[in-house]
Amino acid sequence: MARFSAQEPTGAAVQQLEVLVRTAVFKSANALVGFLLQQAAAGLEATYPLQPGEHWKGRETLPVQGMFGAFPLERDYYYHPGKQQGHSPAEAALGLEGAYTPALARLLCLEGADEMGYEKAQQHLAETGGIDVSARQI
């Protein structure tokens, strides 16, 4: 910030300033979203009714990526041996798509449909939103 104020403003300097400010704002926004989703997951899990045949397997950490960055989400995992199927009620209730928040999943779909190729969508997301996601995930 001091470097920006100490020099003649140019387009390149303004772009660097905006990227630095975005990074700073996204860091605190990401921490807030991670905290709120963790609290929501804890509330959901406290009232989750165990289904017949289901077994609680423990808590697992899912690295979640959202609009503002990535954060860990601790959630309960259940397994039904008869169905050979496991799930996390918190993931479903929060609307997570794989390890992406609903807003980011929607943005990935929109960018993938809008751009000529997934690599171009990846580049566009990184440049405009600071969102680091693999082209293969779009």
N, C-alpha and C. Protein backbone atom coordinates (compact mmCIF):
# COMPACT_ATOMS: atom_id res chain seq x y z
N MET A 1 0.82 -1.18 0.00
CA MET A 1 0.00 0.00 0.00
C MET A 1 0.88 1.26 0.00
N ALA A 2 1.91 1.22 0.85
CA ALA A 2 2.81 2.37 0.92
C ALA A 2 3.53 2.56 -0.41
N ARG A 3 3.88 1.45 -1.05
CA ARG A 3 4.57 1.53 -2.34
C ARG A 3 3.67 2.18 -3.38
N PHE A 4 2.36 1.89 -3.34
CA PHE A 4 1.43 2.48 -4.28
C PHE A 4 1.35 3.99 -4.07
N SER A 5 1.26 4.41 -2.80
CA SER A 5 1.15 5.84 -2.49
C SER A 5 2.41 6.60 -2.82
N ALA A 6 3.56 5.93 -2.80
CA ALA A 6 4.84 6.60 -3.01
C ALA A 6 5.20 6.77 -4.48
N GLN A 7 4.43 6.20 -5.39
CA GLN A 7 4.80 6.29 -6.80
C GLN A 7 3.69 6.93 -7.62
N GLU A 8 4.04 7.27 -8.83
CA GLU A 8 3.09 7.82 -9.78
C GLU A 8 2.07 6.72 -10.12
N PRO A 9 0.78 7.01 -9.98
CA PRO A 9 -0.20 5.96 -10.28
C PRO A 9 -0.23 5.61 -11.77
N THR A 10 -0.20 4.32 -12.05
CA THR A 10 -0.30 3.81 -13.42
C THR A 10 -1.33 2.69 -13.42
N GLY A 11 -1.72 2.29 -14.60
CA GLY A 11 -2.68 1.18 -14.70
C GLY A 11 -2.15 -0.09 -14.06
N ALA A 12 -0.86 -0.37 -14.26
CA ALA A 12 -0.26 -1.58 -13.68
C ALA A 12 -0.23 -1.50 -12.16
N ALA A 13 0.07 -0.31 -11.63
CA ALA A 13 0.11 -0.13 -10.17
C ALA A 13 -1.28 -0.28 -9.57
N VAL A 14 -2.27 0.27 -10.25
CA VAL A 14 -3.66 0.15 -9.76
C VAL A 14 -4.10 -1.31 -9.78
N GLN A 15 -3.74 -2.03 -10.83
CA GLN A 15 -4.08 -3.45 -10.90
C GLN A 15 -3.44 -4.22 -9.74
N GLN A 16 -2.16 -3.95 -9.47
CA GLN A 16 -1.48 -4.60 -8.35
C GLN A 16 -2.15 -4.26 -7.03
N LEU A 17 -2.54 -3.01 -6.86
CA LEU A 17 -3.22 -2.58 -5.64
C LEU A 17 -4.53 -3.33 -5.46
N GLU A 18 -5.30 -3.44 -6.53
CA GLU A 18 -6.59 -4.13 -6.45
C GLU A 18 -6.41 -5.61 -6.10
N VAL A 19 -5.40 -6.23 -6.66
CA VAL A 19 -5.15 -7.64 -6.36
C VAL A 19 -4.75 -7.80 -4.89
N LEU A 20 -3.93 -6.90 -4.38
CA LEU A 20 -3.53 -6.95 -2.96
C LEU A 20 -4.72 -6.75 -2.04
N VAL A 21 -5.57 -5.78 -2.36
CA VAL A 21 -6.75 -5.52 -1.53
C VAL A 21 -7.72 -6.70 -1.61
N ARG A 22 -7.91 -7.24 -2.81
CA ARG A 22 -8.78 -8.42 -2.95
C ARG A 22 -8.26 -9.57 -2.10
N THR A 23 -6.98 -9.80 -2.13
CA THR A 23 -6.38 -10.89 -1.35
C THR A 23 -6.64 -10.68 0.13
N ALA A 24 -6.45 -9.46 0.61
CA ALA A 24 -6.66 -9.16 2.03
C ALA A 24 -8.12 -9.32 2.43
N VAL A 25 -9.03 -8.83 1.60
CA VAL A 25 -10.45 -8.93 1.91
C VAL A 25 -10.91 -10.38 1.84
N PHE A 26 -10.45 -11.10 0.82
CA PHE A 26 -10.84 -12.50 0.67
C PHE A 26 -10.36 -13.35 1.84
N LYS A 27 -9.22 -13.02 2.40
CA LYS A 27 -8.69 -13.81 3.52
C LYS A 27 -9.63 -13.75 4.71
N SER A 28 -10.08 -12.55 5.08
CA SER A 28 -11.00 -12.44 6.21
C SER A 28 -12.39 -12.98 5.85
N ALA A 29 -12.84 -12.77 4.61
CA ALA A 29 -14.14 -13.31 4.19
C ALA A 29 -14.12 -14.83 4.21
N ASN A 30 -13.02 -15.43 3.78
CA ASN A 30 -12.89 -16.88 3.76
C ASN A 30 -12.94 -17.44 5.18
N ALA A 31 -12.25 -16.77 6.10
CA ALA A 31 -12.27 -17.21 7.50
C ALA A 31 -13.69 -17.14 8.06
N LEU A 32 -14.43 -16.10 7.73
CA LEU A 32 -15.80 -15.95 8.20
C LEU A 32 -16.71 -17.04 7.62
N VAL A 33 -16.62 -17.28 6.32
CA VAL A 33 -17.44 -18.32 5.69
C VAL A 33 -17.10 -19.69 6.28
N GLY A 34 -15.83 -19.99 6.44
CA GLY A 34 -15.43 -21.27 7.05
C GLY A 34 -15.99 -21.42 8.45
N PHE A 35 -15.92 -20.37 9.26
CA PHE A 35 -16.45 -20.40 10.62
C PHE A 35 -17.96 -20.64 10.61
N LEU A 36 -18.68 -19.89 9.78
CA LEU A 36 -20.14 -20.02 9.73
C LEU A 36 -20.59 -21.39 9.25
N LEU A 37 -19.91 -21.94 8.24
CA LEU A 37 -20.28 -23.27 7.76
C LEU A 37 -19.95 -24.35 8.78
N GLN A 38 -18.84 -24.17 9.52
CA GLN A 38 -18.51 -25.13 10.57
C GLN A 38 -19.57 -25.11 11.67
N GLN A 39 -20.03 -23.91 12.03
CA GLN A 39 -21.08 -23.79 13.04
C GLN A 39 -22.38 -24.42 12.55
N ALA A 40 -22.71 -24.19 11.29
CA ALA A 40 -23.93 -24.78 10.72
C ALA A 40 -23.84 -26.30 10.70
N ALA A 41 -22.68 -26.83 10.33
CA ALA A 41 -22.48 -28.29 10.31
C ALA A 41 -22.64 -28.87 11.70
N ALA A 42 -22.08 -28.21 12.70
CA ALA A 42 -22.20 -28.69 14.08
C ALA A 42 -23.65 -28.70 14.53
N GLY A 43 -24.40 -27.69 14.18
CA GLY A 43 -25.82 -27.64 14.54
C GLY A 43 -26.63 -28.73 13.86
N LEU A 44 -26.34 -28.98 12.60
CA LEU A 44 -27.03 -30.04 11.86
C LEU A 44 -26.72 -31.41 12.45
N GLU A 45 -25.47 -31.63 12.76
CA GLU A 45 -25.04 -32.93 13.26
C GLU A 45 -25.58 -33.21 14.66
N ALA A 46 -25.79 -32.17 15.43
CA ALA A 46 -26.30 -32.36 16.79
C ALA A 46 -27.72 -32.92 16.79
N THR A 47 -28.46 -32.67 15.71
CA THR A 47 -29.85 -33.12 15.65
C THR A 47 -30.07 -34.21 14.60
N TYR A 48 -29.00 -34.73 14.01
CA TYR A 48 -29.15 -35.74 12.97
C TYR A 48 -29.65 -37.06 13.57
N PRO A 49 -30.78 -37.57 13.06
CA PRO A 49 -31.28 -38.86 13.55
C PRO A 49 -30.58 -40.02 12.83
N LEU A 50 -29.90 -40.85 13.58
CA LEU A 50 -29.22 -42.01 13.01
C LEU A 50 -30.24 -42.91 12.32
N GLN A 51 -29.99 -43.25 11.07
CA GLN A 51 -30.92 -44.08 10.30
C GLN A 51 -30.70 -45.56 10.62
N PRO A 52 -31.73 -46.40 10.50
CA PRO A 52 -31.56 -47.83 10.78
C PRO A 52 -30.47 -48.45 9.91
N GLY A 53 -29.57 -49.19 10.53
CA GLY A 53 -28.48 -49.86 9.83
C GLY A 53 -27.24 -49.00 9.65
N GLU A 54 -27.35 -47.72 9.97
CA GLU A 54 -26.24 -46.79 9.81
C GLU A 54 -25.33 -46.84 11.03
N HIS A 55 -24.04 -46.62 10.79
CA HIS A 55 -23.07 -46.56 11.87
C HIS A 55 -22.26 -45.27 11.74
N TRP A 56 -22.05 -44.62 12.87
CA TRP A 56 -21.21 -43.43 12.88
C TRP A 56 -19.76 -43.89 12.78
N LYS A 57 -19.04 -43.38 11.80
CA LYS A 57 -17.66 -43.80 11.58
C LYS A 57 -16.65 -42.79 12.13
N GLY A 58 -17.11 -41.63 12.53
CA GLY A 58 -16.20 -40.64 13.09
C GLY A 58 -16.30 -39.32 12.37
N ARG A 59 -15.39 -38.43 12.75
CA ARG A 59 -15.34 -37.11 12.11
C ARG A 59 -14.21 -37.10 11.10
N GLU A 60 -14.47 -36.48 9.99
CA GLU A 60 -13.47 -36.36 8.94
C GLU A 60 -13.36 -34.91 8.52
N THR A 61 -12.22 -34.55 8.01
CA THR A 61 -12.00 -33.19 7.52
C THR A 61 -12.10 -33.18 6.00
N LEU A 62 -12.91 -32.28 5.51
CA LEU A 62 -13.05 -32.10 4.07
C LEU A 62 -12.48 -30.73 3.72
N PRO A 63 -11.48 -30.67 2.85
CA PRO A 63 -11.00 -29.36 2.40
C PRO A 63 -12.01 -28.78 1.41
N VAL A 64 -12.67 -27.72 1.80
CA VAL A 64 -13.73 -27.10 1.00
C VAL A 64 -13.18 -25.85 0.34
N GLN A 65 -13.57 -25.63 -0.90
CA GLN A 65 -13.18 -24.41 -1.60
C GLN A 65 -14.43 -23.60 -1.89
N GLY A 66 -14.36 -22.32 -1.54
CA GLY A 66 -15.46 -21.40 -1.78
C GLY A 66 -15.01 -20.22 -2.62
N MET A 67 -15.86 -19.24 -2.72
CA MET A 67 -15.58 -18.05 -3.53
C MET A 67 -14.36 -17.27 -3.05
N PHE A 68 -14.06 -17.37 -1.74
CA PHE A 68 -13.00 -16.56 -1.16
C PHE A 68 -11.74 -17.35 -0.83
N GLY A 69 -11.74 -18.66 -1.08
CA GLY A 69 -10.58 -19.48 -0.80
C GLY A 69 -10.98 -20.84 -0.25
N ALA A 70 -10.02 -21.54 0.31
CA ALA A 70 -10.25 -22.89 0.84
C ALA A 70 -10.17 -22.89 2.36
N PHE A 71 -10.92 -23.79 2.96
CA PHE A 71 -10.93 -23.93 4.42
C PHE A 71 -11.31 -25.37 4.76
N PRO A 72 -10.89 -25.85 5.94
CA PRO A 72 -11.24 -27.21 6.34
C PRO A 72 -12.63 -27.23 6.99
N LEU A 73 -13.40 -28.27 6.70
CA LEU A 73 -14.71 -28.45 7.32
C LEU A 73 -14.72 -29.81 8.00
N GLU A 74 -14.86 -29.81 9.32
CA GLU A 74 -14.96 -31.05 10.09
C GLU A 74 -16.42 -31.48 10.07
N ARG A 75 -16.66 -32.73 9.70
CA ARG A 75 -18.04 -33.20 9.68
C ARG A 75 -18.10 -34.69 10.01
N ASP A 76 -19.27 -35.11 10.50
CA ASP A 76 -19.49 -36.51 10.83
C ASP A 76 -19.69 -37.32 9.56
N TYR A 77 -19.24 -38.57 9.61
CA TYR A 77 -19.39 -39.48 8.48
C TYR A 77 -20.09 -40.75 8.97
N TYR A 78 -21.09 -41.17 8.21
CA TYR A 78 -21.88 -42.36 8.54
C TYR A 78 -21.77 -43.38 7.42
N TYR A 79 -21.85 -44.65 7.80
CA TYR A 79 -21.73 -45.73 6.81
C TYR A 79 -22.83 -46.76 7.07
N HIS A 80 -23.44 -47.23 5.98
CA HIS A 80 -24.45 -48.29 6.04
C HIS A 80 -23.85 -49.52 5.36
N PRO A 81 -23.42 -50.53 6.16
CA PRO A 81 -22.75 -51.70 5.57
C PRO A 81 -23.65 -52.49 4.62
N GLY A 82 -24.92 -52.56 4.91
CA GLY A 82 -25.83 -53.31 4.04
C GLY A 82 -25.95 -52.69 2.66
N LYS A 83 -25.95 -51.39 2.60
CA LYS A 83 -26.04 -50.68 1.32
C LYS A 83 -24.66 -50.39 0.74
N GLN A 84 -23.61 -50.65 1.53
CA GLN A 84 -22.23 -50.31 1.16
C GLN A 84 -22.15 -48.86 0.69
N GLN A 85 -22.70 -48.00 1.55
CA GLN A 85 -22.82 -46.60 1.18
C GLN A 85 -22.55 -45.73 2.41
N GLY A 86 -21.78 -44.69 2.21
CA GLY A 86 -21.51 -43.74 3.28
C GLY A 86 -21.93 -42.35 2.87
N HIS A 87 -22.09 -41.50 3.88
CA HIS A 87 -22.47 -40.12 3.59
C HIS A 87 -22.20 -39.22 4.78
N SER A 88 -22.20 -37.94 4.50
CA SER A 88 -22.07 -36.91 5.52
C SER A 88 -23.31 -36.03 5.43
N PRO A 89 -24.17 -36.07 6.43
CA PRO A 89 -25.38 -35.24 6.38
C PRO A 89 -25.10 -33.75 6.25
N ALA A 90 -24.01 -33.29 6.86
CA ALA A 90 -23.68 -31.86 6.79
C ALA A 90 -23.36 -31.44 5.36
N GLU A 91 -22.64 -32.27 4.62
CA GLU A 91 -22.31 -31.94 3.22
C GLU A 91 -23.58 -31.75 2.40
N ALA A 92 -24.52 -32.67 2.57
CA ALA A 92 -25.78 -32.58 1.82
C ALA A 92 -26.58 -31.36 2.24
N ALA A 93 -26.69 -31.12 3.53
CA ALA A 93 -27.49 -30.00 4.02
C ALA A 93 -26.90 -28.65 3.61
N LEU A 94 -25.59 -28.56 3.58
CA LEU A 94 -24.94 -27.30 3.19
C LEU A 94 -24.92 -27.11 1.67
N GLY A 95 -25.31 -28.12 0.94
CA GLY A 95 -25.37 -28.01 -0.52
C GLY A 95 -24.02 -28.09 -1.20
N LEU A 96 -23.05 -28.72 -0.55
CA LEU A 96 -21.73 -28.83 -1.15
C LEU A 96 -21.76 -29.72 -2.38
N GLU A 97 -21.07 -29.30 -3.40
CA GLU A 97 -20.92 -30.09 -4.63
C GLU A 97 -19.50 -30.62 -4.63
N GLY A 98 -19.33 -31.87 -4.23
CA GLY A 98 -17.99 -32.39 -4.04
C GLY A 98 -17.37 -31.64 -2.88
N ALA A 99 -16.35 -30.87 -3.16
CA ALA A 99 -15.71 -30.06 -2.11
C ALA A 99 -15.84 -28.58 -2.41
N TYR A 100 -16.87 -28.19 -3.18
CA TYR A 100 -17.09 -26.79 -3.53
C TYR A 100 -18.38 -26.28 -2.90
N THR A 101 -18.35 -25.02 -2.47
CA THR A 101 -19.56 -24.40 -1.96
C THR A 101 -20.55 -24.22 -3.12
N PRO A 102 -21.84 -24.08 -2.80
CA PRO A 102 -22.82 -23.92 -3.89
C PRO A 102 -22.53 -22.73 -4.81
N ALA A 103 -22.12 -21.60 -4.24
CA ALA A 103 -21.86 -20.41 -5.07
C ALA A 103 -20.68 -20.64 -6.01
N LEU A 104 -19.62 -21.27 -5.51
CA LEU A 104 -18.47 -21.52 -6.37
C LEU A 104 -18.80 -22.58 -7.41
N ALA A 105 -19.53 -23.61 -7.04
CA ALA A 105 -19.91 -24.64 -8.01
C ALA A 105 -20.72 -24.03 -9.15
N ARG A 106 -21.61 -23.13 -8.81
CA ARG A 106 -22.42 -22.46 -9.84
C ARG A 106 -21.54 -21.61 -10.75
N LEU A 107 -20.61 -20.87 -10.14
CA LEU A 107 -19.70 -20.04 -10.92
C LEU A 107 -18.83 -20.88 -11.85
N LEU A 108 -18.35 -22.02 -11.38
CA LEU A 108 -17.55 -22.91 -12.22
C LEU A 108 -18.35 -23.38 -13.43
N CYS A 109 -19.61 -23.72 -13.20
CA CYS A 109 -20.48 -24.15 -14.32
C CYS A 109 -20.71 -23.02 -15.31
N LEU A 110 -20.98 -21.84 -14.80
CA LEU A 110 -21.22 -20.69 -15.68
C LEU A 110 -19.98 -20.35 -16.50
N GLU A 111 -18.81 -20.35 -15.86
CA GLU A 111 -17.56 -20.05 -16.57
C GLU A 111 -17.26 -21.12 -17.61
N GLY A 112 -17.47 -22.37 -17.24
CA GLY A 112 -17.21 -23.47 -18.16
C GLY A 112 -18.09 -23.39 -19.40
N ALA A 113 -19.34 -22.96 -19.21
CA ALA A 113 -20.27 -22.84 -20.34
C ALA A 113 -19.98 -21.59 -21.17
N ASP A 114 -19.47 -20.56 -20.53
CA ASP A 114 -19.29 -19.27 -21.19
C ASP A 114 -18.00 -19.18 -22.00
N GLU A 115 -16.95 -19.84 -21.56
CA GLU A 115 -15.65 -19.73 -22.22
C GLU A 115 -15.49 -20.80 -23.31
N MET A 116 -14.54 -20.57 -24.20
CA MET A 116 -14.30 -21.49 -25.33
C MET A 116 -13.68 -22.82 -24.86
N GLY A 117 -12.96 -22.80 -23.78
CA GLY A 117 -12.34 -24.01 -23.26
C GLY A 117 -12.19 -23.91 -21.76
N TYR A 118 -11.99 -25.05 -21.12
CA TYR A 118 -11.87 -25.07 -19.66
C TYR A 118 -10.61 -24.37 -19.18
N GLU A 119 -9.54 -24.43 -19.97
CA GLU A 119 -8.32 -23.73 -19.60
C GLU A 119 -8.55 -22.22 -19.59
N LYS A 120 -9.32 -21.75 -20.57
CA LYS A 120 -9.65 -20.32 -20.64
C LYS A 120 -10.52 -19.92 -19.44
N ALA A 121 -11.44 -20.78 -19.05
CA ALA A 121 -12.27 -20.52 -17.88
C ALA A 121 -11.41 -20.48 -16.61
N GLN A 122 -10.46 -21.40 -16.52
CA GLN A 122 -9.54 -21.43 -15.38
C GLN A 122 -8.76 -20.12 -15.29
N GLN A 123 -8.24 -19.68 -16.40
CA GLN A 123 -7.46 -18.44 -16.45
C GLN A 123 -8.35 -17.24 -16.09
N HIS A 124 -9.56 -17.22 -16.60
CA HIS A 124 -10.48 -16.11 -16.33
C HIS A 124 -10.83 -16.03 -14.85
N LEU A 125 -11.10 -17.17 -14.23
CA LEU A 125 -11.42 -17.20 -12.80
C LEU A 125 -10.25 -16.71 -11.96
N ALA A 126 -9.05 -17.11 -12.34
CA ALA A 126 -7.85 -16.71 -11.59
C ALA A 126 -7.60 -15.21 -11.73
N GLU A 127 -7.74 -14.70 -12.94
CA GLU A 127 -7.45 -13.28 -13.19
C GLU A 127 -8.50 -12.36 -12.60
N THR A 128 -9.75 -12.69 -12.75
CA THR A 128 -10.81 -11.77 -12.32
C THR A 128 -11.23 -11.96 -10.87
N GLY A 129 -11.19 -13.20 -10.38
CA GLY A 129 -11.68 -13.44 -9.02
C GLY A 129 -10.66 -13.99 -8.07
N GLY A 130 -9.44 -14.22 -8.54
CA GLY A 130 -8.43 -14.81 -7.67
C GLY A 130 -8.78 -16.23 -7.25
N ILE A 131 -9.59 -16.89 -8.05
CA ILE A 131 -10.06 -18.25 -7.73
C ILE A 131 -9.15 -19.25 -8.43
N ASP A 132 -8.48 -20.07 -7.63
CA ASP A 132 -7.54 -21.05 -8.16
C ASP A 132 -8.22 -22.41 -8.19
N VAL A 133 -8.60 -22.82 -9.39
CA VAL A 133 -9.24 -24.12 -9.59
C VAL A 133 -8.72 -24.73 -10.88
N SER A 134 -8.53 -26.04 -10.86
CA SER A 134 -8.02 -26.73 -12.03
C SER A 134 -9.03 -26.72 -13.17
N ALA A 135 -8.53 -26.62 -14.38
CA ALA A 135 -9.41 -26.66 -15.55
C ALA A 135 -10.19 -27.99 -15.59
N ARG A 136 -9.60 -29.04 -15.08
CA ARG A 136 -10.27 -30.35 -15.07
C ARG A 136 -11.47 -30.38 -14.12
N GLN A 137 -11.53 -29.45 -13.19
CA GLN A 137 -12.63 -29.40 -12.23
C GLN A 137 -13.80 -28.55 -12.73
N ILE A 138 -13.59 -27.84 -13.82
CA ILE A 138 -14.63 -26.97 -14.36
C ILE A 138 -15.57 -27.77 -15.23
